[in-house]
Structure formats: structure tokens, C-alpha cells
Amino acid sequence: MDSNKRELLSNGTGPVSLDPDVNPDEEEEKQRLISQVLELQNTLDDLSCRVDSVKEENMKLKSENQVLGQYIENLMAASSVFQSTSPRSKKKSGAKKKGDK
């Protein structure tokens, strides 16, 4: 035994204290808390991995969106339907329509 007269053994369900001063309920609570901490650590690790994979997917999608945006701009530039007209002709035609009504 160590200087604190405490020795822990494993009986398959977790460490068991041989110190007569330790309450079995306290030891059970300690083991329950240790199990919860380990479970939370595993959950945190899983969430961290998920965050990393979502970041990677986000970067891929941003890149794809840039490519698609450039493709659409090129299509619009090549099509006469999307060519801009001079602002003066729009104003004149709009003024005539208003005057006609």
C-alpha cells in the first residue's frame, strides 16, 4: 500500500478502494463521474472531427460556387440578351410611355 494507505484494484467494473475510510457510495459516484468525463471526451472528439469535415466541405462548395459564378458570368457576357443598353435610351423610352398614359 502507498503512504495514504490506499490501493486500487480492478475487478472488471472499475477500481475498488481497499481503504476502509472510503465510502462505497462515494467510490461509485467517482466512477460514474469518470465514466461521464470519458464519454464527454469521446463526444467532443467526434464533434471536433465533424467540424473539420464540415469546414472541408464548406471550402469545396465555396470553390464550386466561384467556378459556377464565373461560368454564369461568361455565359451572360457571351449572350446578347444580357448586354446592357445605354441609360439615355431607357429614360427616353420610359418618359414616352409615361406621357402616353
PDB file of N, CA and C in Angstrom:
ATOM      1  N   MET A   1       0.832  -1.189   0.000  1.00  0.00           N
ATOM      2  CA  MET A   1       0.000   0.000   0.000  1.00  0.00           C
ATOM      3  C   MET A   1       0.873   1.247   0.000  1.00  0.00           C
ATOM      4  N   ASP A   2       0.317   2.378  -0.534  1.00  0.00           N
ATOM      5  CA  ASP A   2       1.108   3.599  -0.588  1.00  0.00           C
ATOM      6  C   ASP A   2       1.040   4.343   0.732  1.00  0.00           C
ATOM      7  N   SER A   3       1.620   5.557   0.778  1.00  0.00           N
ATOM      8  CA  SER A   3       1.700   6.313   2.015  1.00  0.00           C
ATOM      9  C   SER A   3       0.320   6.732   2.511  1.00  0.00           C
ATOM     10  N   ASN A   4      -0.666   6.816   1.621  1.00  0.00           N
ATOM     11  CA  ASN A   4      -2.018   7.173   2.028  1.00  0.00           C
ATOM     12  C   ASN A   4      -2.830   5.954   2.446  1.00  0.00           C
ATOM     13  N   LYS A   5      -2.196   4.776   2.467  1.00  0.00           N
ATOM     14  CA  LYS A   5      -2.852   3.521   2.814  1.00  0.00           C
ATOM     15  C   LYS A   5      -4.056   3.278   1.906  1.00  0.00           C
ATOM     16  N   ARG A   6      -3.862   3.549   0.629  1.00  0.00           N
ATOM     17  CA  ARG A   6      -4.943   3.362  -0.322  1.00  0.00           C
ATOM     18  C   ARG A   6      -4.410   2.606  -1.518  1.00  0.00           C
ATOM     19  N   GLU A   7      -5.115   1.576  -1.904  1.00  0.00           N
ATOM     20  CA  GLU A   7      -4.694   0.794  -3.054  1.00  0.00           C
ATOM     21  C   GLU A   7      -5.922   0.540  -3.913  1.00  0.00           C
ATOM     22  N   LEU A   8      -5.766   0.694  -5.221  1.00  0.00           N
ATOM     23  CA  LEU A   8      -6.879   0.471  -6.124  1.00  0.00           C
ATOM     24  C   LEU A   8      -6.633  -0.790  -6.925  1.00  0.00           C
ATOM     25  N   LEU A   9      -7.637  -1.614  -6.992  1.00  0.00           N
ATOM     26  CA  LEU A   9      -7.580  -2.835  -7.775  1.00  0.00           C
ATOM     27  C   LEU A   9      -8.703  -2.798  -8.800  1.00  0.00           C
ATOM     28  N   SER A  10      -8.513  -3.528  -9.876  1.00  0.00           N
ATOM     29  CA  SER A  10      -9.556  -3.600 -10.893  1.00  0.00           C
ATOM     30  C   SER A  10     -10.290  -4.919 -10.738  1.00  0.00           C
ATOM     31  N   ASN A  11     -11.634  -4.849 -10.644  1.00  0.00           N
ATOM     32  CA  ASN A  11     -12.433  -6.067 -10.540  1.00  0.00           C
ATOM     33  C   ASN A  11     -13.338  -6.242 -11.759  1.00  0.00           C
ATOM     34  N   GLY A  12     -13.027  -5.569 -12.857  1.00  0.00           N
ATOM     35  CA  GLY A  12     -13.823  -5.683 -14.068  1.00  0.00           C
ATOM     36  C   GLY A  12     -14.851  -4.573 -14.195  1.00  0.00           C
ATOM     37  N   THR A  13     -15.292  -3.991 -13.093  1.00  0.00           N
ATOM     38  CA  THR A  13     -16.271  -2.907 -13.142  1.00  0.00           C
ATOM     39  C   THR A  13     -15.614  -1.568 -12.870  1.00  0.00           C
ATOM     40  N   GLY A  14     -14.361  -1.584 -12.513  1.00  0.00           N
ATOM     41  CA  GLY A  14     -13.636  -0.355 -12.221  1.00  0.00           C
ATOM     42  C   GLY A  14     -12.810  -0.519 -10.974  1.00  0.00           C
ATOM     43  N   PRO A  15     -12.030   0.484 -10.654  1.00  0.00           N
ATOM     44  CA  PRO A  15     -11.168   0.398  -9.469  1.00  0.00           C
ATOM     45  C   PRO A  15     -11.995   0.306  -8.191  1.00  0.00           C
ATOM     46  N   VAL A  16     -11.461  -0.450  -7.232  1.00  0.00           N
ATOM     47  CA  VAL A  16     -12.113  -0.607  -5.933  1.00  0.00           C
ATOM     48  C   VAL A  16     -11.102  -0.205  -4.867  1.00  0.00           C
ATOM     49  N   SER A  17     -11.539   0.612  -3.950  1.00  0.00           N
ATOM     50  CA  SER A  17     -10.644   1.072  -2.899  1.00  0.00           C
ATOM     51  C   SER A  17     -10.606   0.061  -1.762  1.00  0.00           C
ATOM     52  N   LEU A  18      -9.416  -0.184  -1.243  1.00  0.00           N
ATOM     53  CA  LEU A  18      -9.268  -1.063  -0.084  1.00  0.00           C
ATOM     54  C   LEU A  18      -9.182  -0.269   1.212  1.00  0.00           C
ATOM     55  N   ASP A  19      -9.268   1.046   1.089  1.00  0.00           N
ATOM     56  CA  ASP A  19      -9.202   1.916   2.260  1.00  0.00           C
ATOM     57  C   ASP A  19     -10.558   1.858   2.978  1.00  0.00           C
ATOM     58  N   PRO A  20     -10.575   1.457   4.243  1.00  0.00           N
ATOM     59  CA  PRO A  20     -11.845   1.345   4.963  1.00  0.00           C
ATOM     60  C   PRO A  20     -12.518   2.695   5.202  1.00  0.00           C
ATOM     61  N   ASP A  21     -11.784   3.805   5.072  1.00  0.00           N
ATOM     62  CA  ASP A  21     -12.356   5.131   5.305  1.00  0.00           C
ATOM     63  C   ASP A  21     -13.165   5.637   4.109  1.00  0.00           C
ATOM     64  N   VAL A  22     -13.033   4.983   2.946  1.00  0.00           N
ATOM     65  CA  VAL A  22     -13.721   5.439   1.747  1.00  0.00           C
ATOM     66  C   VAL A  22     -15.119   4.834   1.697  1.00  0.00           C
ATOM     67  N   ASN A  23     -16.095   5.693   1.533  1.00  0.00           N
ATOM     68  CA  ASN A  23     -17.487   5.271   1.461  1.00  0.00           C
ATOM     69  C   ASN A  23     -17.741   4.624   0.093  1.00  0.00           C
ATOM     70  N   PRO A  24     -18.374   3.458   0.053  1.00  0.00           N
ATOM     71  CA  PRO A  24     -18.656   2.796  -1.238  1.00  0.00           C
ATOM     72  C   PRO A  24     -19.523   3.654  -2.165  1.00  0.00           C
ATOM     73  N   ASP A  25     -20.428   4.435  -1.592  1.00  0.00           N
ATOM     74  CA  ASP A  25     -21.255   5.330  -2.404  1.00  0.00           C
ATOM     75  C   ASP A  25     -20.406   6.415  -3.059  1.00  0.00           C
ATOM     76  N   GLU A  26     -19.422   6.922  -2.321  1.00  0.00           N
ATOM     77  CA  GLU A  26     -18.522   7.934  -2.892  1.00  0.00           C
ATOM     78  C   GLU A  26     -17.696   7.339  -4.018  1.00  0.00           C
ATOM     79  N   GLU A  27     -17.250   6.106  -3.808  1.00  0.00           N
ATOM     80  CA  GLU A  27     -16.449   5.441  -4.837  1.00  0.00           C
ATOM     81  C   GLU A  27     -17.300   5.199  -6.094  1.00  0.00           C
ATOM     82  N   GLU A  28     -18.546   4.824  -5.904  1.00  0.00           N
ATOM     83  CA  GLU A  28     -19.454   4.610  -7.037  1.00  0.00           C
ATOM     84  C   GLU A  28     -19.710   5.922  -7.782  1.00  0.00           C
ATOM     85  N   GLU A  29     -19.912   6.983  -7.028  1.00  0.00           N
ATOM     86  CA  GLU A  29     -20.117   8.310  -7.632  1.00  0.00           C
ATOM     87  C   GLU A  29     -18.879   8.744  -8.414  1.00  0.00           C
ATOM     88  N   LYS A  30     -17.712   8.479  -7.844  1.00  0.00           N
ATOM     89  CA  LYS A  30     -16.459   8.820  -8.522  1.00  0.00           C
ATOM     90  C   LYS A  30     -16.358   8.067  -9.850  1.00  0.00           C
ATOM     91  N   GLN A  31     -16.683   6.791  -9.847  1.00  0.00           N
ATOM     92  CA  GLN A  31     -16.621   6.001 -11.071  1.00  0.00           C
ATOM     93  C   GLN A  31     -17.645   6.479 -12.096  1.00  0.00           C
ATOM     94  N   ARG A  32     -18.821   6.867 -11.605  1.00  0.00           N
ATOM     95  CA  ARG A  32     -19.847   7.398 -12.506  1.00  0.00           C
ATOM     96  C   ARG A  32     -19.360   8.684 -13.157  1.00  0.00           C
ATOM     97  N   LEU A  33     -18.744   9.548 -12.391  1.00  0.00           N
ATOM     98  CA  LEU A  33     -18.219  10.811 -12.926  1.00  0.00           C
ATOM     99  C   LEU A  33     -17.086  10.569 -13.925  1.00  0.00           C
ATOM    100  N   ILE A  34     -16.222   9.616 -13.614  1.00  0.00           N
ATOM    101  CA  ILE A  34     -15.129   9.281 -14.538  1.00  0.00           C
ATOM    102  C   ILE A  34     -15.708   8.778 -15.861  1.00  0.00           C
ATOM    103  N   SER A  35     -16.725   7.937 -15.771  1.00  0.00           N
ATOM    104  CA  SER A  35     -17.369   7.425 -16.992  1.00  0.00           C
ATOM    105  C   SER A  35     -17.990   8.561 -17.797  1.00  0.00           C
ATOM    106  N   GLN A  36     -18.629   9.496 -17.122  1.00  0.00           N
ATOM    107  CA  GLN A  36     -19.232  10.637 -17.809  1.00  0.00           C
ATOM    108  C   GLN A  36     -18.166  11.498 -18.487  1.00  0.00           C
ATOM    109  N   VAL A  37     -17.060  11.722 -17.798  1.00  0.00           N
ATOM    110  CA  VAL A  37     -15.973  12.522 -18.366  1.00  0.00           C
ATOM    111  C   VAL A  37     -15.425  11.846 -19.620  1.00  0.00           C
ATOM    112  N   LEU A  38     -15.211  10.547 -19.550  1.00  0.00           N
ATOM    113  CA  LEU A  38     -14.708   9.817 -20.722  1.00  0.00           C
ATOM    114  C   LEU A  38     -15.693   9.874 -21.878  1.00  0.00           C
ATOM    115  N   GLU A  39     -16.973   9.745 -21.566  1.00  0.00           N
ATOM    116  CA  GLU A  39     -17.998   9.821 -22.614  1.00  0.00           C
ATOM    117  C   GLU A  39     -18.023  11.213 -23.243  1.00  0.00           C
ATOM    118  N   LEU A  40     -17.920  12.241 -22.415  1.00  0.00           N
ATOM    119  CA  LEU A  40     -17.908  13.611 -22.922  1.00  0.00           C
ATOM    120  C   LEU A  40     -16.655  13.888 -23.758  1.00  0.00           C
ATOM    121  N   GLN A  41     -15.527  13.312 -23.356  1.00  0.00           N
ATOM    122  CA  GLN A  41     -14.305  13.470 -24.147  1.00  0.00           C
ATOM    123  C   GLN A  41     -14.474  12.831 -25.526  1.00  0.00           C
ATOM    124  N   ASN A  42     -15.083  11.657 -25.562  1.00  0.00           N
ATOM    125  CA  ASN A  42     -15.334  10.991 -26.843  1.00  0.00           C
ATOM    126  C   ASN A  42     -16.291  11.800 -27.707  1.00  0.00           C
ATOM    127  N   THR A  43     -17.327  12.351 -27.074  1.00  0.00           N
ATOM    128  CA  THR A  43     -18.289  13.179 -27.801  1.00  0.00           C
ATOM    129  C   THR A  43     -17.602  14.417 -28.359  1.00  0.00           C
ATOM    130  N   LEU A  44     -16.755  15.038 -27.569  1.00  0.00           N
ATOM    131  CA  LEU A  44     -16.021  16.224 -28.021  1.00  0.00           C
ATOM    132  C   LEU A  44     -15.115  15.884 -29.195  1.00  0.00           C
ATOM    133  N   ASP A  45     -14.454  14.752 -29.124  1.00  0.00           N
ATOM    134  CA  ASP A  45     -13.590  14.316 -30.216  1.00  0.00           C
ATOM    135  C   ASP A  45     -14.407  14.094 -31.490  1.00  0.00           C
ATOM    136  N   ASP A  46     -15.561  13.445 -31.355  1.00  0.00           N
ATOM    137  CA  ASP A  46     -16.439  13.216 -32.501  1.00  0.00           C
ATOM    138  C   ASP A  46     -16.913  14.538 -33.106  1.00  0.00           C
ATOM    139  N   LEU A  47     -17.307  15.472 -32.251  1.00  0.00           N
ATOM    140  CA  LEU A  47     -17.772  16.772 -32.735  1.00  0.00           C
ATOM    141  C   LEU A  47     -16.648  17.545 -33.411  1.00  0.00           C
ATOM    142  N   SER A  48     -15.461  17.452 -32.869  1.00  0.00           N
ATOM    143  CA  SER A  48     -14.311  18.126 -33.472  1.00  0.00           C
ATOM    144  C   SER A  48     -14.032  17.579 -34.872  1.00  0.00           C
ATOM    145  N   CYS A  49     -14.110  16.264 -35.012  1.00  0.00           N
ATOM    146  CA  CYS A  49     -13.934  15.643 -36.337  1.00  0.00           C
ATOM    147  C   CYS A  49     -15.024  16.095 -37.289  1.00  0.00           C
ATOM    148  N   ARG A  50     -16.236  16.187 -36.788  1.00  0.00           N
ATOM    149  CA  ARG A  50     -17.358  16.625 -37.625  1.00  0.00           C
ATOM    150  C   ARG A  50     -17.165  18.076 -38.078  1.00  0.00           C
ATOM    151  N   VAL A  51     -16.716  18.927 -37.186  1.00  0.00           N
ATOM    152  CA  VAL A  51     -16.452  20.329 -37.536  1.00  0.00           C
ATOM    153  C   VAL A  51     -15.394  20.406 -38.635  1.00  0.00           C
ATOM    154  N   ASP A  52     -14.348  19.612 -38.506  1.00  0.00           N
ATOM    155  CA  ASP A  52     -13.297  19.608 -39.525  1.00  0.00           C
ATOM    156  C   ASP A  52     -13.841  19.162 -40.882  1.00  0.00           C
ATOM    157  N   SER A  53     -14.673  18.130 -40.894  1.00  0.00           N
ATOM    158  CA  SER A  53     -15.217  17.648 -42.167  1.00  0.00           C
ATOM    159  C   SER A  53     -16.180  18.669 -42.771  1.00  0.00           C
ATOM    160  N   VAL A  54     -16.950  19.354 -41.930  1.00  0.00           N
ATOM    161  CA  VAL A  54     -17.870  20.382 -42.435  1.00  0.00           C
ATOM    162  C   VAL A  54     -17.075  21.565 -42.991  1.00  0.00           C
ATOM    163  N   LYS A  55     -15.964  21.926 -42.351  1.00  0.00           N
ATOM    164  CA  LYS A  55     -15.120  23.005 -42.871  1.00  0.00           C
ATOM    165  C   LYS A  55     -14.573  22.647 -44.247  1.00  0.00           C
ATOM    166  N   GLU A  56     -14.122  21.403 -44.399  1.00  0.00           N
ATOM    167  CA  GLU A  56     -13.604  20.959 -45.699  1.00  0.00           C
ATOM    168  C   GLU A  56     -14.697  21.021 -46.759  1.00  0.00           C
ATOM    169  N   GLU A  57     -15.873  20.526 -46.426  1.00  0.00           N
ATOM    170  CA  GLU A  57     -16.994  20.542 -47.373  1.00  0.00           C
ATOM    171  C   GLU A  57     -17.359  21.975 -47.733  1.00  0.00           C
ATOM    172  N   ASN A  58     -17.352  22.861 -46.757  1.00  0.00           N
ATOM    173  CA  ASN A  58     -17.655  24.269 -46.989  1.00  0.00           C
ATOM    174  C   ASN A  58     -16.655  24.887 -47.972  1.00  0.00           C
ATOM    175  N   MET A  59     -15.381  24.584 -47.795  1.00  0.00           N
ATOM    176  CA  MET A  59     -14.357  25.114 -48.701  1.00  0.00           C
ATOM    177  C   MET A  59     -14.575  24.591 -50.119  1.00  0.00           C
ATOM    178  N   LYS A  60     -14.907  23.309 -50.260  1.00  0.00           N
ATOM    179  CA  LYS A  60     -15.160  22.732 -51.578  1.00  0.00           C
ATOM    180  C   LYS A  60     -16.351  23.413 -52.242  1.00  0.00           C
ATOM    181  N   LEU A  61     -17.425  23.612 -51.468  1.00  0.00           N
ATOM    182  CA  LEU A  61     -18.622  24.233 -52.031  1.00  0.00           C
ATOM    183  C   LEU A  61     -18.368  25.688 -52.420  1.00  0.00           C
ATOM    184  N   LYS A  62     -17.591  26.406 -51.625  1.00  0.00           N
ATOM    185  CA  LYS A  62     -17.249  27.788 -51.985  1.00  0.00           C
ATOM    186  C   LYS A  62     -16.485  27.820 -53.301  1.00  0.00           C
ATOM    187  N   SER A  63     -15.559  26.904 -53.449  1.00  0.00           N
ATOM    188  CA  SER A  63     -14.774  26.831 -54.680  1.00  0.00           C
ATOM    189  C   SER A  63     -15.681  26.516 -55.870  1.00  0.00           C
ATOM    190  N   GLU A  64     -16.575  25.561 -55.699  1.00  0.00           N
ATOM    191  CA  GLU A  64     -17.513  25.221 -56.770  1.00  0.00           C
ATOM    192  C   GLU A  64     -18.411  26.406 -57.113  1.00  0.00           C
ATOM    193  N   ASN A  65     -18.848  27.131 -56.107  1.00  0.00           N
ATOM    194  CA  ASN A  65     -19.695  28.308 -56.349  1.00  0.00           C
ATOM    195  C   ASN A  65     -18.940  29.372 -57.140  1.00  0.00           C
ATOM    196  N   GLN A  66     -17.666  29.556 -56.845  1.00  0.00           N
ATOM    197  CA  GLN A  66     -16.870  30.526 -57.601  1.00  0.00           C
ATOM    198  C   GLN A  66     -16.756  30.108 -59.060  1.00  0.00           C
ATOM    199  N   VAL A  67     -16.523  28.822 -59.293  1.00  0.00           N
ATOM    200  CA  VAL A  67     -16.415  28.319 -60.669  1.00  0.00           C
ATOM    201  C   VAL A  67     -17.739  28.517 -61.398  1.00  0.00           C
ATOM    202  N   LEU A  68     -18.842  28.152 -60.742  1.00  0.00           N
ATOM    203  CA  LEU A  68     -20.157  28.309 -61.362  1.00  0.00           C
ATOM    204  C   LEU A  68     -20.493  29.784 -61.599  1.00  0.00           C
ATOM    205  N   GLY A  69     -20.134  30.633 -60.651  1.00  0.00           N
ATOM    206  CA  GLY A  69     -20.366  32.073 -60.822  1.00  0.00           C
ATOM    207  C   GLY A  69     -19.615  32.619 -62.019  1.00  0.00           C
ATOM    208  N   GLN A  70     -18.377  32.217 -62.169  1.00  0.00           N
ATOM    209  CA  GLN A  70     -17.575  32.661 -63.312  1.00  0.00           C
ATOM    210  C   GLN A  70     -18.166  32.115 -64.613  1.00  0.00           C
ATOM    211  N   TYR A  71     -18.618  30.876 -64.598  1.00  0.00           N
ATOM    212  CA  TYR A  71     -19.234  30.264 -65.776  1.00  0.00           C
ATOM    213  C   TYR A  71     -20.491  31.040 -66.182  1.00  0.00           C
ATOM    214  N   ILE A  72     -21.316  31.379 -65.214  1.00  0.00           N
ATOM    215  CA  ILE A  72     -22.542  32.137 -65.498  1.00  0.00           C
ATOM    216  C   ILE A  72     -22.196  33.521 -66.040  1.00  0.00           C
ATOM    217  N   GLU A  73     -21.209  34.181 -65.452  1.00  0.00           N
ATOM    218  CA  GLU A  73     -20.790  35.499 -65.954  1.00  0.00           C
ATOM    219  C   GLU A  73     -20.328  35.397 -67.399  1.00  0.00           C
ATOM    220  N   ASN A  74     -19.564  34.353 -67.714  1.00  0.00           N
ATOM    221  CA  ASN A  74     -19.093  34.164 -69.093  1.00  0.00           C
ATOM    222  C   ASN A  74     -20.261  33.924 -70.045  1.00  0.00           C
ATOM    223  N   LEU A  75     -21.229  33.131 -69.623  1.00  0.00           N
ATOM    224  CA  LEU A  75     -22.406  32.891 -70.462  1.00  0.00           C
ATOM    225  C   LEU A  75     -23.188  34.179 -70.692  1.00  0.00           C
ATOM    226  N   MET A  76     -23.342  34.954 -69.624  1.00  0.00           N
ATOM    227  CA  MET A  76     -24.072  36.218 -69.753  1.00  0.00           C
ATOM    228  C   MET A  76     -23.338  37.195 -70.663  1.00  0.00           C
ATOM    229  N   ALA A  77     -22.030  37.219 -70.558  1.00  0.00           N
ATOM    230  CA  ALA A  77     -21.234  38.124 -71.394  1.00  0.00           C
ATOM    231  C   ALA A  77     -21.315  37.714 -72.862  1.00  0.00           C
ATOM    232  N   ALA A  78     -21.435  36.430 -73.124  1.00  0.00           N
ATOM    233  CA  ALA A  78     -21.487  35.939 -74.497  1.00  0.00           C
ATOM    234  C   ALA A  78     -22.883  36.078 -75.103  1.00  0.00           C
ATOM    235  N   SER A  79     -23.900  36.269 -74.302  1.00  0.00           N
ATOM    236  CA  SER A  79     -25.270  36.344 -74.802  1.00  0.00           C
ATOM    237  C   SER A  79     -25.693  37.791 -74.980  1.00  0.00           C
ATOM    238  N   SER A  80     -26.336  38.086 -76.105  1.00  0.00           N
ATOM    239  CA  SER A  80     -26.790  39.456 -76.368  1.00  0.00           C
ATOM    240  C   SER A  80     -27.986  39.823 -75.498  1.00  0.00           C
ATOM    241  N   VAL A  81     -28.686  38.852 -74.950  1.00  0.00           N
ATOM    242  CA  VAL A  81     -29.847  39.125 -74.104  1.00  0.00           C
ATOM    243  C   VAL A  81     -29.434  39.893 -72.848  1.00  0.00           C
ATOM    244  N   PHE A  82     -28.240  39.605 -72.340  1.00  0.00           N
ATOM    245  CA  PHE A  82     -27.792  40.215 -71.094  1.00  0.00           C
ATOM    246  C   PHE A  82     -26.893  41.430 -71.308  1.00  0.00           C
ATOM    247  N   GLN A  83     -26.731  41.872 -72.537  1.00  0.00           N
ATOM    248  CA  GLN A  83     -25.902  43.045 -72.802  1.00  0.00           C
ATOM    249  C   GLN A  83     -26.633  44.280 -72.310  1.00  0.00           C
ATOM    250  N   SER A  84     -25.906  45.204 -71.696  1.00  0.00           N
ATOM    251  CA  SER A  84     -26.529  46.413 -71.169  1.00  0.00           C
ATOM    252  C   SER A  84     -26.803  47.384 -72.307  1.00  0.00           C
ATOM    253  N   THR A  85     -27.831  48.166 -72.122  1.00  0.00           N
ATOM    254  CA  THR A  85     -28.148  49.218 -73.088  1.00  0.00           C
ATOM    255  C   THR A  85     -27.790  50.547 -72.464  1.00  0.00           C
ATOM    256  N   SER A  86     -27.719  51.593 -73.269  1.00  0.00           N
ATOM    257  CA  SER A  86     -27.329  52.896 -72.735  1.00  0.00           C
ATOM    258  C   SER A  86     -28.442  53.443 -71.848  1.00  0.00           C
ATOM    259  N   PRO A  87     -28.110  54.106 -70.763  1.00  0.00           N
ATOM    260  CA  PRO A  87     -29.112  54.636 -69.830  1.00  0.00           C
ATOM    261  C   PRO A  87     -30.016  55.682 -70.481  1.00  0.00           C
ATOM    262  N   ARG A  88     -29.513  56.447 -71.467  1.00  0.00           N
ATOM    263  CA  ARG A  88     -30.322  57.502 -72.080  1.00  0.00           C
ATOM    264  C   ARG A  88     -31.507  56.920 -72.828  1.00  0.00           C
ATOM    265  N   SER A  89     -31.296  55.830 -73.532  1.00  0.00           N
ATOM    266  CA  SER A  89     -32.398  55.247 -74.302  1.00  0.00           C
ATOM    267  C   SER A  89     -33.474  54.697 -73.373  1.00  0.00           C
ATOM    268  N   LYS A  90     -33.095  54.183 -72.216  1.00  0.00           N
ATOM    269  CA  LYS A  90     -34.075  53.671 -71.256  1.00  0.00           C
ATOM    270  C   LYS A  90     -34.929  54.823 -70.720  1.00  0.00           C
ATOM    271  N   LYS A  91     -34.276  55.936 -70.384  1.00  0.00           N
ATOM    272  CA  LYS A  91     -35.011  57.072 -69.821  1.00  0.00           C
ATOM    273  C   LYS A  91     -35.952  57.661 -70.855  1.00  0.00           C
ATOM    274  N   LYS A  92     -35.502  57.787 -72.092  1.00  0.00           N
ATOM    275  CA  LYS A  92     -36.340  58.376 -73.123  1.00  0.00           C
ATOM    276  C   LYS A  92     -37.553  57.504 -73.389  1.00  0.00           C
ATOM    277  N   SER A  93     -37.345  56.192 -73.504  1.00  0.00           N
ATOM    278  CA  SER A  93     -38.475  55.310 -73.786  1.00  0.00           C
ATOM    279  C   SER A  93     -39.432  55.287 -72.597  1.00  0.00           C
ATOM    280  N   GLY A  94     -38.893  55.364 -71.367  1.00  0.00           N
ATOM    281  CA  GLY A  94     -39.732  55.384 -70.173  1.00  0.00           C
ATOM    282  C   GLY A  94     -40.534  56.677 -70.108  1.00  0.00           C
ATOM    283  N   ALA A  95     -39.951  57.790 -70.520  1.00  0.00           N
ATOM    284  CA  ALA A  95     -40.650  59.076 -70.479  1.00  0.00           C
ATOM    285  C   ALA A  95     -41.772  59.091 -71.504  1.00  0.00           C
ATOM    286  N   LYS A  96     -41.556  58.484 -72.655  1.00  0.00           N
ATOM    287  CA  LYS A  96     -42.596  58.458 -73.673  1.00  0.00           C
ATOM    288  C   LYS A  96     -43.785  57.625 -73.193  1.00  0.00           C
ATOM    289  N   LYS A  97     -43.500  56.509 -72.520  1.00  0.00           N
ATOM    290  CA  LYS A  97     -44.580  55.664 -72.043  1.00  0.00           C
ATOM    291  C   LYS A  97     -45.398  56.397 -70.989  1.00  0.00           C
ATOM    292  N   LYS A  98     -44.738  57.132 -70.106  1.00  0.00           N
ATOM    293  CA  LYS A  98     -45.464  57.863 -69.073  1.00  0.00           C
ATOM    294  C   LYS A  98     -46.320  58.961 -69.684  1.00  0.00           C
ATOM    295  N   GLY A  99     -45.782  59.618 -70.695  1.00  0.00           N
ATOM    296  CA  GLY A  99     -46.517  60.692 -71.348  1.00  0.00           C
ATOM    297  C   GLY A  99     -47.703  60.171 -72.130  1.00  0.00           C
ATOM    298  N   ASP A 100     -47.599  58.939 -72.674  1.00  0.00           N
ATOM    299  CA  ASP A 100     -48.676  58.374 -73.448  1.00  0.00           C
ATOM    300  C   ASP A 100     -49.865  58.013 -72.585  1.00  0.00           C
ATOM    301  N   LYS A 101     -49.677  57.744 -71.351  1.00  0.00           N
ATOM    302  CA  LYS A 101     -50.768  57.309 -70.460  1.00  0.00           C
ATOM    303  C   LYS A 101     -51.510  58.487 -70.011  1.00  0.00           C
TER     304      LYS A 101
END
